[in-house]
């Protein structure tokens, strides 16, 4: 018995399988996509597929037509693991990325994985470079290696573009460095939130701390304060931040969802407005500079 799967036309794309979560959005845009485009491939994520088919059919079609796959296994997301299984069954070359080897299933631990450590001060730059180098080495090998001996792939790879799709941005003036006060508006929530940011900018990289106070005007004793460690990117027009860890400073909170902020910077650099989101909700924020530490 033989099962035949037609891959049809292979394209110079790298399909990225990763959780649909706000905290991974910045990782994709600032690390994965630039690394993939640096080697001449098009980066494609499942939530960027717009079609009339069922989502699983769109994902299947994208995996079939992609030359390479990058899989982010942090958190052991079941959808990611299922799609990774499809990749291996199709004989697709896959680059596995994770923030912890504990999230890599036992059956996959003998495969090469890129493990990144967010405690490293420039972990994003290091991860981007590591991914690009790994993809470049894999693309230079024209052999069609598969995970299983009884799966074979025939045909020719398309020629890679001569120039990379990604051009590194030039460093800019550190306009974000300083102290900021933000008011957050979350539709449907009876509580209010205010966040004070202490940020440092080095080139386009931004790191710092966010102290979020959540309170109910009708119940002052329910106020909590949460400290979040944040990192992200900024240019002259936009700021993108994502919280990577948190601790409860005061009050009682059983579960806190890490937040991310995406905003537009006004011309004089004193106000930033945009959207704030956590795992389940999305709101708006407006932040103003309260102290300049440049």
Protein backbone atom coordinates (compact mmCIF):
# COMPACT_ATOMS: atom_id res chain seq x y z
CA UNK A 1 0.00 0.00 0.00
CA UNK A 2 1.28 3.49 -0.84
CA UNK A 3 0.01 6.91 0.22
CA UNK A 4 0.98 9.73 -2.12
CA UNK A 5 0.98 13.40 -1.09
CA UNK A 6 1.53 15.97 -3.81
CA UNK A 7 3.58 18.87 -2.50
CA UNK A 8 2.85 20.80 -5.71
CA UNK A 9 4.96 23.92 -6.15
CA UNK A 10 7.64 24.46 -3.48
CA UNK A 11 8.16 28.13 -2.57
CA UNK A 12 10.93 30.02 -0.80
CA UNK A 13 8.88 30.37 2.37
CA UNK A 14 9.51 29.47 6.00
CA UNK A 15 6.29 28.58 7.77
CA UNK A 16 6.39 29.54 11.46
CA UNK A 17 4.35 27.41 13.84
CA UNK A 18 3.96 28.98 17.27
CA UNK A 19 1.23 29.73 19.83
CA UNK A 20 -1.31 32.46 19.07
CA UNK A 21 -0.52 34.59 22.09
CA UNK A 22 0.27 38.30 22.47
CA UNK A 23 3.57 37.59 24.21
CA UNK A 24 4.78 35.69 21.12
CA UNK A 25 3.78 38.40 18.61
CA UNK A 26 6.79 40.59 19.35
CA UNK A 27 9.10 37.56 19.27
CA UNK A 28 7.89 36.77 15.76
CA UNK A 29 8.11 40.32 14.42
CA UNK A 30 11.42 41.30 16.02
CA UNK A 31 13.34 38.00 15.96
CA UNK A 32 11.86 35.24 13.79
CA UNK A 33 10.77 37.30 10.77
CA UNK A 34 14.03 39.32 10.42
CA UNK A 35 16.14 36.13 10.75
CA UNK A 36 14.08 34.32 8.09
CA UNK A 37 14.07 37.27 5.69
CA UNK A 38 17.83 37.73 6.18
CA UNK A 39 18.44 34.43 4.37
CA UNK A 40 16.03 35.27 1.54
CA UNK A 41 12.90 33.39 2.65
CA UNK A 42 9.40 34.76 3.21
CA UNK A 43 8.20 34.37 6.81
CA UNK A 44 4.60 33.16 7.09
CA UNK A 45 2.57 32.53 10.24
CA UNK A 46 -0.81 30.79 10.42
CA UNK A 47 -2.66 33.94 11.54
CA UNK A 48 -1.39 35.69 8.40
CA UNK A 49 -3.26 33.27 6.13
CA UNK A 50 -6.41 34.80 4.73
CA UNK A 51 -8.55 32.37 2.77
CA UNK A 52 -11.98 30.79 2.52
CA UNK A 53 -10.81 27.29 3.48
CA UNK A 54 -10.88 25.71 6.90
CA UNK A 55 -7.92 26.92 8.97
CA UNK A 56 -6.44 23.40 9.15
CA UNK A 57 -6.56 23.11 5.35
CA UNK A 58 -4.81 26.48 5.03
CA UNK A 59 -2.11 25.37 7.48
CA UNK A 60 -1.69 22.07 5.62
CA UNK A 61 -1.35 23.89 2.27
CA UNK A 62 1.19 26.31 3.76
CA UNK A 63 3.32 23.52 5.24
CA UNK A 64 3.26 21.60 1.95
CA UNK A 65 4.39 24.58 -0.13
CA UNK A 66 7.02 25.91 2.30
CA UNK A 67 10.69 25.12 1.85
CA UNK A 68 11.41 25.26 5.57
CA UNK A 69 9.54 25.29 8.89
CA UNK A 70 10.43 26.98 12.17
CA UNK A 71 8.68 25.58 15.26
CA UNK A 72 8.52 27.46 18.59
CA UNK A 73 7.82 24.80 21.25
CA UNK A 74 7.80 26.99 24.37
CA UNK A 75 4.79 26.13 26.49
CA UNK A 76 4.08 22.75 24.84
CA UNK A 77 1.17 24.15 22.86
CA UNK A 78 -0.87 21.17 21.49
CA UNK A 79 -1.61 22.88 18.15
CA UNK A 80 2.10 23.52 17.60
CA UNK A 81 2.99 19.90 18.37
CA UNK A 82 0.26 18.63 16.02
CA UNK A 83 1.51 20.84 13.17
CA UNK A 84 5.09 19.76 13.87
CA UNK A 85 3.98 16.15 13.41
CA UNK A 86 2.53 17.05 10.00
CA UNK A 87 5.87 18.61 9.03
CA UNK A 88 7.81 15.47 9.92
CA UNK A 89 5.32 13.27 8.06
CA UNK A 90 5.85 15.43 4.94
CA UNK A 91 9.62 15.22 5.20
CA UNK A 92 9.95 18.95 5.82
CA UNK A 93 13.19 20.32 7.29
CA UNK A 94 12.31 21.86 10.66
CA UNK A 95 14.25 24.18 12.95
CA UNK A 96 13.05 23.81 16.56
CA UNK A 97 13.27 26.81 18.90
CA UNK A 98 12.39 26.87 22.60
CA UNK A 99 13.02 28.82 25.77
CA UNK A 100 13.29 25.56 27.75
CA UNK A 101 14.26 22.01 26.83
CA UNK A 102 11.61 20.89 29.32
CA UNK A 103 9.04 21.91 26.69
CA UNK A 104 10.55 19.61 24.05
CA UNK A 105 8.88 16.15 24.09
CA UNK A 106 11.15 13.20 24.86
CA UNK A 107 10.79 11.83 21.30
CA UNK A 108 12.27 15.05 19.87
CA UNK A 109 15.12 15.69 22.29
CA UNK A 110 17.68 14.06 19.99
CA UNK A 111 16.93 16.66 17.29
CA UNK A 112 18.88 19.90 17.13
CA UNK A 113 17.11 22.66 19.05
CA UNK A 114 17.95 26.31 19.53
CA UNK A 115 17.44 27.19 23.19
CA UNK A 116 17.27 30.88 24.06
CA UNK A 117 17.69 32.40 27.50
CA UNK A 118 15.76 35.60 28.20
CA UNK A 119 17.96 36.46 31.15
CA UNK A 120 20.75 37.22 28.66
CA UNK A 121 20.85 41.02 28.13
CA UNK A 122 20.85 40.70 24.32
CA UNK A 123 18.99 37.42 23.97
CA UNK A 124 16.89 38.67 21.04
CA UNK A 125 19.91 39.62 18.93
CA UNK A 126 21.65 36.34 19.79
CA UNK A 127 18.58 34.28 18.90
CA UNK A 128 18.06 36.12 15.62
CA UNK A 129 21.67 35.51 14.62
CA UNK A 130 21.52 31.83 15.63
CA UNK A 131 18.35 31.24 13.61
CA UNK A 132 19.74 32.97 10.53
CA UNK A 133 22.99 30.99 10.67
CA UNK A 134 21.11 27.69 11.11
CA UNK A 135 18.77 28.43 8.20
CA UNK A 136 21.64 29.51 5.98
CA UNK A 137 23.55 26.29 6.69
CA UNK A 138 20.46 24.15 6.04
CA UNK A 139 19.65 25.96 2.77
CA UNK A 140 23.19 25.47 1.46
CA UNK A 141 22.65 21.70 1.70
CA UNK A 142 20.65 20.63 -1.35
CA UNK A 143 20.11 17.13 0.00
CA UNK A 144 16.54 16.36 1.06
CA UNK A 145 17.05 14.95 4.54
CA UNK A 146 13.96 13.52 6.23
CA UNK A 147 13.34 12.39 9.78
CA UNK A 148 12.13 8.92 8.76
CA UNK A 149 14.01 6.55 6.44
CA UNK A 150 10.93 5.47 4.48
CA UNK A 151 9.91 9.01 3.49
CA UNK A 152 11.58 10.35 0.38
CA UNK A 153 11.19 13.72 -1.34
CA UNK A 154 11.87 14.18 -5.05
CA UNK A 155 12.17 17.35 -7.11
CA UNK A 156 14.26 20.52 -7.20
CA UNK A 157 14.40 23.41 -4.80
CA UNK A 158 13.66 26.87 -6.25
CA UNK A 159 16.64 29.21 -6.54
CA UNK A 160 17.04 31.49 -3.53
CA UNK A 161 16.87 35.28 -4.00
CA UNK A 162 20.33 36.83 -4.36
CA UNK A 163 19.57 39.64 -1.91
CA UNK A 164 18.13 39.24 1.59
CA UNK A 165 14.60 40.47 2.19
CA UNK A 166 15.58 42.01 5.50
CA UNK A 167 17.80 45.07 5.95
CA UNK A 168 18.86 45.88 9.54
CA UNK A 169 17.54 49.24 10.77
CA UNK A 170 19.94 51.97 11.78
CA UNK A 171 20.22 52.89 15.43
CA UNK A 172 18.20 55.89 16.54
CA UNK A 173 18.29 58.44 19.32
CA UNK A 174 17.18 56.85 22.64
CA UNK A 175 13.91 58.79 22.93
CA UNK A 176 12.25 56.16 25.13
CA UNK A 177 14.74 56.22 28.01
CA UNK A 178 13.04 57.63 31.11
CA UNK A 179 10.00 57.34 33.34
CA UNK A 180 6.48 57.14 31.89
CA UNK A 181 2.98 57.12 33.37
CA UNK A 182 0.22 55.26 31.49
CA UNK A 183 -3.54 55.08 31.97
CA UNK A 184 -5.13 51.89 30.60
CA UNK A 185 -8.73 51.48 29.51
CA UNK A 186 -10.10 47.92 29.34
CA UNK A 187 -13.66 47.65 27.92
CA UNK A 188 -15.96 45.55 30.07
CA UNK A 189 -13.74 45.64 33.18
CA UNK A 190 -15.01 47.39 36.29
CA UNK A 191 -11.47 47.89 37.61
CA UNK A 192 -9.03 50.57 36.45
CA UNK A 193 -5.32 50.25 35.74
CA UNK A 194 -2.42 52.66 35.83
CA UNK A 195 1.12 51.65 34.90
CA UNK A 196 4.40 53.43 35.58
CA UNK A 197 7.23 52.44 33.22
CA UNK A 198 10.96 52.76 33.90
CA UNK A 199 12.58 52.22 30.51
CA UNK A 200 16.08 52.18 29.03
CA UNK A 201 16.70 52.29 25.28
CA UNK A 202 19.88 51.05 23.57
CA UNK A 203 19.57 51.55 19.83
CA UNK A 204 16.22 49.99 19.01
CA UNK A 205 16.24 47.67 22.05
CA UNK A 206 14.12 48.69 25.03
CA UNK A 207 14.20 47.06 28.47
CA UNK A 208 12.77 48.01 31.82
CA UNK A 209 10.15 47.54 34.49
CA UNK A 210 6.42 48.27 34.57
CA UNK A 211 4.61 48.80 37.88
CA UNK A 212 0.90 48.24 37.30
CA UNK A 213 -1.69 49.30 39.86
CA UNK A 214 -5.14 47.77 39.49
CA UNK A 215 -7.91 49.14 41.62
CA UNK A 216 -11.68 49.21 41.97
CA UNK A 217 -12.99 52.74 42.73
CA UNK A 218 -15.80 51.16 44.78
CA UNK A 219 -13.50 48.88 46.78
CA UNK A 220 -10.16 50.53 47.71
CA UNK A 221 -9.01 47.50 49.69
CA UNK A 222 -8.93 45.38 46.50
CA UNK A 223 -6.02 47.35 45.01
CA UNK A 224 -3.04 45.28 43.86
CA UNK A 225 0.36 46.33 42.48
CA UNK A 226 2.19 44.09 40.02
CA UNK A 227 5.80 44.45 38.87
CA UNK A 228 6.39 43.27 35.29
CA UNK A 229 9.74 42.94 33.52
CA UNK A 230 9.41 44.25 29.97
CA UNK A 231 11.46 44.26 26.79
CA UNK A 232 10.85 45.27 23.21
CA UNK A 233 11.73 47.60 20.35
CA UNK A 234 11.28 51.27 19.49
CA UNK A 235 11.96 53.52 16.54
CA UNK A 236 11.14 57.16 15.95
CA UNK A 237 7.45 56.37 15.39
CA UNK A 238 6.44 53.25 17.34
CA UNK A 239 7.01 51.37 20.58
CA UNK A 240 6.42 47.64 21.09
CA UNK A 241 6.80 46.15 24.56
CA UNK A 242 6.03 42.72 25.98
CA UNK A 243 6.12 41.61 29.62
CA UNK A 244 8.24 38.50 30.18
CA UNK A 245 7.75 37.94 33.92
CA UNK A 246 5.86 39.36 36.89
CA UNK A 247 5.62 39.41 40.66
CA UNK A 248 2.84 40.61 42.99
CA UNK A 249 4.20 43.54 45.00
CA UNK A 250 1.12 44.09 47.14
CA UNK A 251 -2.44 42.83 47.33
CA UNK A 252 -3.87 39.42 46.48
CA UNK A 253 -4.04 38.07 42.93
CA UNK A 254 -4.27 34.37 42.10
CA UNK A 255 -3.54 34.69 38.39
CA UNK A 256 -2.05 37.53 36.37
CA UNK A 257 -1.78 37.56 32.57
CA UNK A 258 1.35 39.16 31.15
CA UNK A 259 0.63 42.25 29.08
CA UNK A 260 2.00 43.69 25.84
CA UNK A 261 1.84 47.26 24.53
CA UNK A 262 1.96 48.54 20.94
CA UNK A 263 1.79 52.30 20.44
CA UNK A 264 2.52 55.28 18.23
CA UNK A 265 4.94 57.94 19.48
CA UNK A 266 3.93 61.57 18.91
CA UNK A 267 6.28 63.96 17.11
CA UNK A 268 7.81 65.54 20.23
CA UNK A 269 8.33 62.14 21.91
CA UNK A 270 6.33 63.00 25.03
CA UNK A 271 3.19 60.89 24.48
CA UNK A 272 2.56 57.34 23.28
CA UNK A 273 -0.91 55.99 22.45
CA UNK A 274 -1.93 52.52 21.37
CA UNK A 275 -3.31 49.13 22.41
CA UNK A 276 -2.57 47.00 25.45
CA UNK A 277 -3.45 43.32 25.55
CA UNK A 278 -3.09 40.25 27.70
CA UNK A 279 -3.91 36.61 27.03
CA UNK A 280 -7.67 37.15 26.80
CA UNK A 281 -8.44 40.86 26.39
CA UNK A 282 -7.43 44.01 24.58
CA UNK A 283 -7.66 47.64 25.66
CA UNK A 284 -6.16 51.06 25.01
CA UNK A 285 -3.45 53.06 26.75
CA UNK A 286 -2.00 56.53 26.75
CA UNK A 287 1.37 57.15 28.37
CA UNK A 288 3.18 60.40 29.10
CA UNK A 289 6.78 61.09 30.00
CA UNK A 290 7.10 62.04 33.66
CA UNK A 291 10.88 62.09 34.02
CA UNK A 292 13.65 62.19 31.42
CA UNK A 293 16.78 60.28 32.48
CA UNK A 294 18.78 60.64 29.26
